[in-house]
Structure formats: structure tokens, C-alpha cells
Amino acid sequence: MLWISGITATLLALTAAWQIAIARTAPADGPFFGNVPDYTNLPIYMSFNSGYGYLSGAGWPNHLATLVALALACTVFFAVLHTDANRPVFARSTASSVRSERELTARLFTFILLGGLITTLGAVWMHTGSSGQALVGLDEQWVSDNASYPRILVAGGYDAIARPMNLLGYALQAGGVAFLLRLAVDTARAALATRRSRLATPEHEVSTNGPRR
């Protein structure tokens, strides 16, 4: 699972870096398309069809938080594993039990990291794909009372991959959330079963050895 988390983190970092790299500033009177917020001189715009216009949604103001969250998640992940590896061992603990507990801890935090990365990657791809699907329609030109040129739709720079990326983003978000919910339920069940097992052990010892006098 660790290598899957690494691949997901790499895709997330590359997508955010790509969106930051293609961003630029735009003139206040430039042609803007799509859902554009109030004008700003920050680099949040990407060129539409080789300078024909501008779309918003790119740049570090929109994607820097993704890279920061990714770095923090990886830092916390390795810090937790390092702390758990250096945790003092109780005198009664055996080497096999300690190894098993630490493997379970590492697996649990790897699953949490993977679920978060998948969900975040889905959100970024959904946003990026939605921005890249912008189409601009040119007015049709009438040549007679009953005939005209068909309307021409102009697509953006990465329109070929925008829709698949958008749909895959929705799927990744749903899969990531479902994975985290299943992980939470399984973890709660395992913790409850462990607690019941520990409570049942003293009762079993009393019934086997008899009451002390």
C-alpha cells in the first residue's frame, strides 16, 4: 500500500505543479470565459486557445494549499511511524507481539494517508477537469434567409483530457471517502472486539482457577 500512496502523492504533486506552471496574469480588459471571479492581478488565469482569452482556476493561489497539505501529511505520517518505532517496549512484551503491533500501526496510518490522498487527488482532478472543459461558441453567420454557417465551438488547451479527468475526479472522491468510512468502521469494530476480549480474560481466569481465599 505504501507504493500506491507514493504514486498517488506523485500524481497529486504533478497536477498541482502543472496548474501552477501554466498560470499567468491577465489584463483587466482581457476576454474572460467561464465562471470568472472578480479581477485580480494574481496569476490565477490560464490562456484559452493560445491567447484567444483567459480562464480562471489555475495558479498558486488555487493550488499551493494542495502542495502544503501534501507535505504536511507526509511529514506527520513519517513522524508518527518514527515515534511508534522508538516507543519503549514493556518488559512482558515479546518480540513477535511488538512487531505485530507496530506493523498494524504502520498499516493503519498508511491506509489513512492513502484514503486522504485519493480523496484530495479526486478533488483536484475534478476542479482541473472542469476548468479545462470550457467551450466558446462563435455566433453563426447567415448567408441567406434560410441558410447559415454552423456554430463553431472553440475548446481550451487540454480539452482532450479535461472531461475524463473531471469524471475520474468524481470517482476518486467517492472511492476515497468510501475507503475512509470502511476503514473507520473496521477500526472501531476491531477496537471493540479487543476490549471485549480483554474484559473476558479475567473472568475466564477466575472461573478456571476458582475464587481466591
Protein backbone atom coordinates (compact mmCIF):
# COMPACT_ATOMS: atom_id res chain seq x y z
CA MET A 1 0.00 0.00 0.00
CA LEU A 2 2.92 2.34 0.58
CA TRP A 3 3.89 2.35 -3.09
CA ILE A 4 0.27 3.09 -4.09
CA SER A 5 0.34 6.05 -1.71
CA GLY A 6 3.59 7.18 -3.30
CA ILE A 7 2.13 7.03 -6.81
CA THR A 8 -1.00 8.92 -5.70
CA ALA A 9 1.09 11.59 -3.97
CA THR A 10 3.25 11.96 -7.09
CA LEU A 11 0.19 12.40 -9.34
CA LEU A 12 -1.23 14.96 -6.93
CA ALA A 13 2.02 16.94 -6.79
CA LEU A 14 2.47 16.84 -10.58
CA THR A 15 -1.09 18.03 -11.21
CA ALA A 16 -0.74 20.94 -8.80
CA ALA A 17 2.68 21.87 -10.20
CA TRP A 18 1.32 21.71 -13.77
CA GLN A 19 -1.58 24.03 -12.92
CA ILE A 20 0.81 26.47 -11.23
CA ALA A 21 3.20 26.38 -14.20
CA ILE A 22 0.56 27.20 -16.84
CA ALA A 23 -0.92 30.11 -14.86
CA ARG A 24 -0.37 33.72 -15.78
CA THR A 25 -1.72 37.17 -15.10
CA ALA A 26 -4.27 38.75 -17.41
CA PRO A 27 -5.10 42.33 -18.42
CA ALA A 28 -8.12 43.84 -16.72
CA ASP A 29 -9.87 44.36 -20.07
CA GLY A 30 -8.94 40.95 -21.48
CA PRO A 31 -11.55 38.49 -22.78
CA PHE A 32 -12.52 36.15 -19.91
CA PHE A 33 -14.56 32.97 -20.31
CA GLY A 34 -16.29 30.63 -17.92
CA ASN A 35 -17.02 31.27 -14.26
CA VAL A 36 -14.54 34.07 -13.59
CA PRO A 37 -14.34 35.74 -10.14
CA ASP A 38 -13.59 39.40 -9.56
CA TYR A 39 -10.50 40.52 -11.44
CA THR A 40 -7.16 40.21 -9.67
CA ASN A 41 -3.57 40.74 -10.72
CA LEU A 42 -2.59 37.40 -9.18
CA PRO A 43 -1.61 34.59 -11.58
CA ILE A 44 -4.84 32.60 -11.44
CA TYR A 45 -5.60 32.61 -15.17
CA MET A 46 -4.63 30.21 -17.92
CA SER A 47 -4.52 31.04 -21.59
CA PHE A 48 -7.51 29.87 -23.61
CA ASN A 49 -6.76 28.59 -27.12
CA SER A 50 -3.30 30.16 -27.50
CA GLY A 51 -4.14 33.61 -26.18
CA TYR A 52 -7.69 33.91 -27.51
CA GLY A 53 -8.91 34.54 -23.96
CA TYR A 54 -8.43 33.61 -20.32
CA LEU A 55 -9.90 31.07 -17.93
CA SER A 56 -9.59 31.18 -14.16
CA GLY A 57 -8.84 28.35 -11.75
CA ALA A 58 -5.09 27.81 -12.15
CA GLY A 59 -2.05 29.25 -10.38
CA TRP A 60 -0.54 29.05 -6.94
CA PRO A 61 -3.44 30.87 -5.21
CA ASN A 62 -5.62 27.87 -6.14
CA HIS A 63 -3.14 25.00 -5.86
CA LEU A 64 -0.44 25.97 -3.37
CA ALA A 65 -2.62 24.74 -0.49
CA THR A 66 -2.64 21.29 -2.11
CA LEU A 67 1.15 21.08 -2.06
CA VAL A 68 1.30 22.37 1.52
CA ALA A 69 -1.29 19.82 2.67
CA LEU A 70 0.59 17.06 0.86
CA ALA A 71 3.87 17.99 2.53
CA LEU A 72 2.23 18.18 5.97
CA ALA A 73 0.52 14.82 5.51
CA CYS A 74 3.76 13.10 4.54
CA THR A 75 5.63 14.77 7.42
CA VAL A 76 3.04 13.71 10.00
CA PHE A 77 2.94 10.19 8.56
CA PHE A 78 6.68 9.60 8.86
CA ALA A 79 6.83 11.36 12.25
CA VAL A 80 4.14 9.06 13.66
CA LEU A 81 5.88 5.95 12.33
CA HIS A 82 9.22 7.14 13.72
CA THR A 83 7.68 7.82 17.13
CA ASP A 84 5.97 4.44 17.18
CA ALA A 85 9.20 2.67 16.21
CA ASN A 86 11.05 4.32 19.12
CA ARG A 87 8.28 3.66 21.64
CA PRO A 88 9.51 1.89 24.81
CA VAL A 89 8.79 -1.84 24.94
CA PHE A 90 7.14 -3.27 28.04
CA ALA A 91 9.06 -5.95 29.88
CA ARG A 92 6.32 -8.55 29.38
CA SER A 93 6.02 -7.90 25.65
CA THR A 94 7.54 -10.41 23.29
CA ALA A 95 9.39 -9.51 20.11
CA SER A 96 6.67 -11.03 17.93
CA SER A 97 3.86 -9.12 19.67
CA VAL A 98 5.75 -5.82 19.44
CA ARG A 99 6.46 -6.40 15.75
CA SER A 100 2.81 -7.25 15.11
CA GLU A 101 1.55 -4.12 16.90
CA ARG A 102 3.93 -1.87 15.01
CA GLU A 103 3.02 -3.44 11.68
CA LEU A 104 -0.66 -2.88 12.42
CA THR A 105 0.02 0.75 13.37
CA ALA A 106 2.00 1.34 10.20
CA ARG A 107 -0.71 -0.29 8.09
CA LEU A 108 -3.46 1.78 9.71
CA PHE A 109 -1.69 5.09 9.15
CA THR A 110 -0.80 4.05 5.59
CA PHE A 111 -4.48 3.38 4.90
CA ILE A 112 -5.45 6.76 6.38
CA LEU A 113 -2.82 8.52 4.26
CA LEU A 114 -3.92 6.63 1.13
CA GLY A 115 -7.59 7.48 1.64
CA GLY A 116 -6.79 11.15 2.14
CA LEU A 117 -4.53 11.26 -0.91
CA ILE A 118 -7.12 9.57 -3.14
CA THR A 119 -9.86 11.95 -1.99
CA THR A 120 -7.65 15.02 -2.46
CA LEU A 121 -6.47 13.87 -5.89
CA GLY A 122 -10.10 13.41 -6.89
CA ALA A 123 -10.98 16.95 -5.80
CA VAL A 124 -8.02 18.44 -7.69
CA TRP A 125 -8.77 16.46 -10.86
CA MET A 126 -12.45 17.35 -10.69
CA HIS A 127 -11.59 21.06 -10.46
CA THR A 128 -8.87 20.89 -13.12
CA GLY A 129 -11.03 18.88 -15.50
CA SER A 130 -13.97 21.22 -15.04
CA SER A 131 -11.81 24.25 -15.86
CA GLY A 132 -10.41 22.58 -18.97
CA GLN A 133 -13.83 21.75 -20.45
CA ALA A 134 -14.66 25.36 -21.27
CA LEU A 135 -16.06 25.87 -24.77
CA VAL A 136 -16.61 29.19 -26.51
CA GLY A 137 -19.31 29.36 -29.16
CA LEU A 138 -18.98 31.80 -32.06
CA ASP A 139 -22.13 33.33 -33.50
CA GLU A 140 -23.44 31.74 -36.65
CA GLN A 141 -23.28 33.78 -39.83
CA TRP A 142 -26.35 33.84 -42.04
CA VAL A 143 -25.69 33.68 -45.77
CA SER A 144 -29.37 33.86 -46.75
CA ASP A 145 -32.78 33.84 -45.13
CA ASN A 146 -32.72 30.05 -44.75
CA ALA A 147 -29.02 29.13 -44.62
CA SER A 148 -26.16 29.93 -42.29
CA TYR A 149 -22.77 28.67 -41.27
CA PRO A 150 -22.89 26.23 -38.34
CA ARG A 151 -21.92 27.48 -34.92
CA ILE A 152 -18.24 26.95 -34.15
CA LEU A 153 -17.13 25.79 -30.71
CA VAL A 154 -13.57 26.59 -29.64
CA ALA A 155 -12.04 24.35 -26.97
CA GLY A 156 -9.27 25.00 -24.48
CA GLY A 157 -5.70 23.80 -24.41
CA TYR A 158 -6.22 20.40 -22.73
CA ASP A 159 -9.82 19.75 -23.69
CA ALA A 160 -8.97 16.20 -24.84
CA ILE A 161 -8.20 15.05 -21.30
CA ALA A 162 -10.36 17.50 -19.36
CA ARG A 163 -13.61 15.52 -19.33
CA PRO A 164 -12.01 12.14 -18.46
CA MET A 165 -10.05 13.89 -15.72
CA ASN A 166 -13.22 15.51 -14.38
CA LEU A 167 -15.18 12.24 -14.32
CA LEU A 168 -12.27 10.34 -12.81
CA GLY A 169 -12.02 13.05 -10.17
CA TYR A 170 -15.61 12.40 -9.08
CA ALA A 171 -14.92 8.65 -8.97
CA LEU A 172 -11.74 9.09 -6.95
CA GLN A 173 -13.50 11.30 -4.41
CA ALA A 174 -16.29 8.77 -3.97
CA GLY A 175 -13.81 5.91 -3.70
CA GLY A 176 -11.59 7.76 -1.23
CA VAL A 177 -14.47 8.70 1.07
CA ALA A 178 -15.90 5.17 0.93
CA PHE A 179 -12.47 3.74 1.72
CA LEU A 180 -12.04 6.02 4.75
CA LEU A 181 -15.54 5.22 6.03
CA ARG A 182 -14.90 1.49 5.72
CA LEU A 183 -11.56 1.92 7.48
CA ALA A 184 -13.23 3.82 10.34
CA VAL A 185 -15.91 1.14 10.77
CA ASP A 186 -13.40 -1.74 10.68
CA THR A 187 -11.09 0.05 13.14
CA ALA A 188 -13.97 0.68 15.55
CA ARG A 189 -15.07 -2.95 15.34
CA ALA A 190 -11.53 -4.20 15.95
CA ALA A 191 -11.09 -1.89 18.95
CA LEU A 192 -14.43 -3.03 20.41
CA ALA A 193 -13.55 -6.69 19.89
CA THR A 194 -10.16 -6.19 21.57
CA ARG A 195 -11.80 -4.51 24.55
CA ARG A 196 -14.33 -7.31 24.94
CA SER A 197 -11.54 -9.88 24.72
CA ARG A 198 -9.57 -8.16 27.48
CA LEU A 199 -12.65 -7.93 29.71
CA ALA A 200 -13.43 -11.60 29.15
CA THR A 201 -9.90 -12.80 30.03
CA PRO A 202 -10.03 -12.09 33.82
CA GLU A 203 -13.46 -13.72 34.09
CA HIS A 204 -12.10 -16.81 32.36
CA GLU A 205 -9.14 -16.95 34.74
CA VAL A 206 -11.42 -16.69 37.78
CA SER A 207 -13.69 -19.45 36.54
CA THR A 208 -10.71 -21.70 35.78
CA ASN A 209 -8.67 -21.18 38.94
CA GLY A 210 -11.58 -20.65 41.31
CA PRO A 211 -12.04 -17.77 43.72
CA ARG A 212 -9.07 -16.82 45.84
CA ARG A 213 -9.29 -17.13 49.67
